Amino acid sequence: MRIKVFVFIFLVGTLALVSLVKTYLVFEYKRNFSYLSELEQKIQNYKNEQSKLNVEISIIETEIYSFTSINPDSLDSNLR
């Protein structure tokens, strides 16, 4: 009878220990997942900002090109 009680207590303790380890691993996974999700969101924001900057740079470059392609003498003749 004493061995049965010892085995029962050992099995319950082992089950409790496995449950605690599983709970710890699930919360650790969730914490890492939320961190990675947050990091991915920051990367997306930086990519969006980079895209916006690329568009602005291209617009500025085309504006500079259009201003440099205008002949200043033709502007003077239109004003007279």
Protein backbone atom coordinates (compact mmCIF):
# COMPACT_ATOMS: atom_id res chain seq x y z
CA MET A 1 0.00 0.00 0.00
CA ARG A 2 2.83 2.34 0.82
CA ILE A 3 4.43 1.82 -2.61
CA LYS A 4 1.14 2.60 -4.35
CA VAL A 5 0.87 5.92 -2.49
CA PHE A 6 4.50 6.76 -3.31
CA VAL A 7 3.97 5.96 -7.03
CA PHE A 8 0.72 7.95 -7.07
CA ILE A 9 2.41 10.98 -5.46
CA PHE A 10 5.34 10.65 -7.85
CA LEU A 11 3.04 10.53 -10.89
CA VAL A 12 0.99 13.52 -9.67
CA GLY A 13 4.21 15.48 -8.99
CA THR A 14 5.57 14.59 -12.42
CA LEU A 15 2.30 15.63 -14.06
CA ALA A 16 2.34 18.93 -12.15
CA LEU A 17 5.95 19.56 -13.15
CA VAL A 18 5.23 18.83 -16.82
CA SER A 19 2.21 21.15 -16.67
CA LEU A 20 4.29 23.97 -15.21
CA VAL A 21 6.99 23.52 -17.84
CA LYS A 22 4.38 23.51 -20.60
CA THR A 23 2.79 26.69 -19.22
CA TYR A 24 6.19 28.38 -19.02
CA LEU A 25 7.01 27.41 -22.61
CA VAL A 26 3.65 28.64 -23.91
CA PHE A 27 4.06 32.04 -22.22
CA GLU A 28 7.67 32.27 -23.40
CA TYR A 29 6.55 31.52 -26.96
CA LYS A 30 3.78 34.11 -26.72
CA ARG A 31 6.19 36.74 -25.41
CA ASN A 32 8.69 36.02 -28.20
CA PHE A 33 5.91 36.02 -30.79
CA SER A 34 4.61 39.41 -29.65
CA TYR A 35 8.17 40.79 -29.67
CA LEU A 36 8.75 39.51 -33.20
CA SER A 37 5.38 40.86 -34.32
CA GLU A 38 6.25 44.27 -32.89
CA LEU A 39 9.64 44.14 -34.60
CA GLU A 40 8.03 43.20 -37.91
CA GLN A 41 5.63 46.13 -37.57
CA LYS A 42 8.58 48.51 -37.05
CA ILE A 43 10.31 47.07 -40.11
CA GLN A 44 7.14 47.61 -42.18
CA ASN A 45 6.94 51.21 -40.95
CA TYR A 46 10.56 51.79 -41.93
CA LYS A 47 9.94 50.23 -45.36
CA ASN A 48 6.91 52.50 -45.85
CA GLU A 49 8.97 55.52 -44.83
CA GLN A 50 11.73 54.45 -47.21
CA SER A 51 9.20 54.11 -50.03
CA LYS A 52 7.81 57.56 -49.31
CA LEU A 53 11.32 59.01 -49.28
CA ASN A 54 12.12 57.32 -52.59
CA VAL A 55 8.98 58.82 -54.14
CA GLU A 56 9.84 62.27 -52.78
CA ILE A 57 13.40 61.99 -54.07
CA SER A 58 12.20 60.98 -57.52
CA ILE A 59 9.72 63.88 -57.57
CA ILE A 60 12.43 66.31 -56.53
CA GLU A 61 14.78 64.91 -59.17
CA THR A 62 12.16 65.30 -61.91
CA GLU A 63 11.37 68.83 -60.76
CA ILE A 64 15.05 69.73 -60.82
CA TYR A 65 15.32 68.22 -64.26
CA SER A 66 12.31 70.15 -65.51
CA PHE A 67 13.68 73.41 -64.09
CA THR A 68 17.07 72.86 -65.64
CA SER A 69 15.58 72.02 -69.03
CA ILE A 70 13.80 75.40 -69.26
CA ASN A 71 15.69 77.98 -71.23
CA PRO A 72 15.79 81.27 -69.26
CA ASP A 73 15.81 83.32 -72.49
CA SER A 74 12.43 81.96 -73.48
CA LEU A 75 11.00 83.13 -70.17
CA ASP A 76 12.22 86.66 -70.80
CA SER A 77 10.60 86.81 -74.21
CA ASN A 78 7.26 85.77 -72.75
CA LEU A 79 7.38 88.51 -70.16
CA ARG A 80 7.94 91.32 -72.73
